[in-house]
Amino acid sequence: MRRPSNAKAETVASSGMFRDAFARQRALIPAALFYEWRPVEGQKAKQPFAIARQDGKPMAVAGIWEGWRGEGGEVIRSFAVVTTEANQLMSQVHNRMPVILEEPDWPVWLGEREGDPASLLHPASEDVLRLWPVSPLVNNVRNDGPALLNQAA
């Protein structure tokens, strides 16, 4: 059974697919950066962009996880990234973005401190992220290396 890789912040607490995981199984997903693609007018190919924190620190992306039984009865662990509407910066590339959690909010998200995890489901502040165009070489998983992060001309 295929499981979605993204859960919308607007419905994660009420959706039958995600409700239980949101209530009890929230996680932080560490990421140095992520990629998103923007259509290029008049072209079939899309322009890839790298998105990272401006301060160079890794991101902590809001996630939910669950364990479910596969066809053979084995327990399979899966997770989904919680996404929200794009902030102004991200809207240049895509209409959605992952929920980026700031370090003081981690204990609330993880249920280690009292608070409302739903209140954390919003776009990152405009001064948190930066984005830049990168080479279409990122479109192929066989390509690897730091050169993939170089700004495209």
Protein backbone atom coordinates (compact mmCIF):
# COMPACT_ATOMS: atom_id res chain seq x y z
CA MET A 1 0.00 0.00 0.00
CA ARG A 2 1.40 3.38 -0.99
CA ARG A 3 1.50 6.03 1.75
CA PRO A 4 1.57 9.79 1.04
CA SER A 5 4.89 11.53 1.65
CA ASN A 6 3.25 14.88 2.51
CA ALA A 7 0.51 15.82 4.96
CA LYS A 8 -1.21 19.20 4.62
CA ALA A 9 -1.02 21.33 7.78
CA GLU A 10 -4.58 22.49 7.16
CA THR A 11 -5.99 18.96 7.53
CA VAL A 12 -3.35 16.89 9.35
CA ALA A 13 -5.24 17.02 12.69
CA SER A 14 -8.59 16.03 11.16
CA SER A 15 -7.71 13.73 8.25
CA GLY A 16 -8.44 10.06 8.97
CA MET A 17 -5.13 9.15 7.38
CA PHE A 18 -3.01 11.42 9.60
CA ARG A 19 -5.08 12.28 12.69
CA ASP A 20 -3.63 9.60 15.01
CA ALA A 21 -0.03 10.21 13.95
CA PHE A 22 -0.48 13.95 14.46
CA ALA A 23 -1.88 13.36 17.94
CA ARG A 24 0.81 10.93 19.13
CA GLN A 25 3.66 10.39 16.68
CA ARG A 26 5.24 13.67 15.67
CA ALA A 27 8.89 13.82 14.61
CA LEU A 28 11.61 16.23 13.56
CA ILE A 29 13.09 15.54 10.13
CA PRO A 30 16.61 16.99 9.85
CA ALA A 31 17.54 18.43 6.46
CA ALA A 32 20.42 20.52 5.21
CA LEU A 33 18.20 21.74 2.38
CA PHE A 34 15.45 20.68 0.03
CA TYR A 35 14.75 21.13 -3.66
CA GLU A 36 11.73 22.47 -5.45
CA TRP A 37 11.06 22.94 -9.17
CA ARG A 38 9.46 25.89 -10.97
CA PRO A 39 7.96 25.61 -14.45
CA VAL A 40 9.80 27.58 -17.13
CA GLU A 41 7.54 29.33 -19.60
CA GLY A 42 7.70 27.73 -23.02
CA GLN A 43 9.76 24.75 -21.83
CA LYS A 44 8.91 21.23 -20.80
CA ALA A 45 11.75 21.10 -18.26
CA LYS A 46 11.43 22.80 -14.88
CA GLN A 47 14.12 24.88 -13.16
CA PRO A 48 15.30 23.26 -9.90
CA PHE A 49 15.97 25.43 -6.84
CA ALA A 50 17.82 24.59 -3.64
CA ILE A 51 16.28 25.95 -0.43
CA ALA A 52 18.25 26.19 2.83
CA ARG A 53 18.33 28.19 6.04
CA GLN A 54 20.00 31.59 5.70
CA ASP A 55 22.05 30.94 8.85
CA GLY A 56 23.53 27.74 7.40
CA LYS A 57 22.16 25.54 10.18
CA PRO A 58 20.24 22.35 9.37
CA MET A 59 16.47 22.61 9.19
CA ALA A 60 14.09 20.73 11.44
CA VAL A 61 11.04 19.89 9.33
CA ALA A 62 7.75 18.89 10.98
CA GLY A 63 6.95 15.25 10.37
CA ILE A 64 4.56 12.56 11.50
CA TRP A 65 5.24 8.82 11.51
CA GLU A 66 3.44 5.55 11.93
CA GLY A 67 3.96 1.82 11.83
CA TRP A 68 1.66 -0.34 9.73
CA ARG A 69 1.50 -3.94 8.66
CA GLY A 70 2.65 -4.84 5.18
CA GLU A 71 1.20 -7.66 3.09
CA GLY A 72 3.54 -10.19 4.71
CA GLY A 73 2.60 -9.07 8.22
CA GLU A 74 5.85 -7.19 8.83
CA VAL A 75 5.69 -3.79 10.52
CA ILE A 76 6.66 -1.02 8.14
CA ARG A 77 7.60 2.40 9.47
CA SER A 78 6.70 5.37 7.31
CA PHE A 79 6.62 9.12 7.71
CA ALA A 80 5.19 12.19 6.05
CA VAL A 81 6.45 15.75 5.86
CA VAL A 82 3.92 18.32 7.09
CA THR A 83 3.51 21.06 4.49
CA THR A 84 1.84 24.45 4.62
CA GLU A 85 1.13 27.32 2.26
CA ALA A 86 4.26 28.98 0.88
CA ASN A 87 5.64 32.15 2.38
CA GLN A 88 6.42 35.02 -0.02
CA LEU A 89 9.93 33.76 -0.81
CA MET A 90 8.82 30.19 -1.53
CA SER A 91 5.83 31.33 -3.56
CA GLN A 92 8.32 32.38 -6.25
CA VAL A 93 8.91 28.66 -6.84
CA HIS A 94 5.97 26.67 -5.42
CA ASN A 95 2.64 27.20 -3.64
CA ARG A 96 3.55 24.93 -0.66
CA MET A 97 6.51 24.42 1.63
CA PRO A 98 7.50 22.15 4.51
CA VAL A 99 6.75 23.40 8.01
CA ILE A 100 10.16 24.50 9.36
CA LEU A 101 10.29 24.32 13.16
CA GLU A 102 12.56 26.61 15.16
CA GLU A 103 14.57 25.06 17.99
CA PRO A 104 12.55 26.60 20.87
CA ASP A 105 9.43 24.93 19.40
CA TRP A 106 10.89 21.41 19.16
CA PRO A 107 9.78 20.30 22.67
CA VAL A 108 6.17 21.37 21.98
CA TRP A 109 6.15 19.58 18.63
CA LEU A 110 7.58 16.43 20.18
CA GLY A 111 5.14 16.51 23.12
CA GLU A 112 7.94 17.05 25.66
CA ARG A 113 6.48 20.39 26.80
CA GLU A 114 2.92 21.64 27.13
CA GLY A 115 1.67 23.60 24.16
CA ASP A 116 -0.42 23.38 21.03
CA PRO A 117 1.48 21.67 18.20
CA ALA A 118 -1.14 22.89 15.71
CA SER A 119 -0.07 26.47 16.45
CA LEU A 120 3.33 25.66 14.91
CA LEU A 121 1.88 24.76 11.51
CA HIS A 122 2.63 27.94 9.59
CA PRO A 123 5.07 29.11 6.90
CA ALA A 124 8.60 30.01 7.95
CA SER A 125 9.29 33.70 8.56
CA GLU A 126 10.59 35.52 5.50
CA ASP A 127 14.08 35.91 6.99
CA VAL A 128 14.66 32.17 7.67
CA LEU A 129 15.26 30.67 4.21
CA ARG A 130 17.18 31.45 1.06
CA LEU A 131 16.78 29.89 -2.36
CA TRP A 132 18.87 29.75 -5.49
CA PRO A 133 18.61 28.09 -8.92
CA VAL A 134 20.76 24.98 -9.38
CA SER A 135 21.72 22.75 -12.29
CA PRO A 136 19.20 20.27 -13.72
CA LEU A 137 21.81 17.63 -12.80
CA VAL A 138 19.91 17.34 -9.48
CA ASN A 139 17.09 15.69 -11.43
CA ASN A 140 19.07 12.44 -11.68
CA VAL A 141 19.80 10.44 -8.50
CA ARG A 142 23.01 9.09 -10.05
CA ASN A 143 24.48 12.59 -9.80
CA ASP A 144 26.01 13.48 -6.47
CA GLY A 145 28.49 15.89 -4.96
CA PRO A 146 28.79 19.44 -3.68
CA ALA A 147 28.79 20.90 -7.23
CA LEU A 148 25.06 20.19 -7.39
CA LEU A 149 24.56 23.07 -4.97
CA ASN A 150 26.34 25.63 -7.17
CA GLN A 151 24.13 28.44 -8.36
CA ALA A 152 23.02 27.90 -11.95
CA ALA A 153 23.82 30.60 -14.46
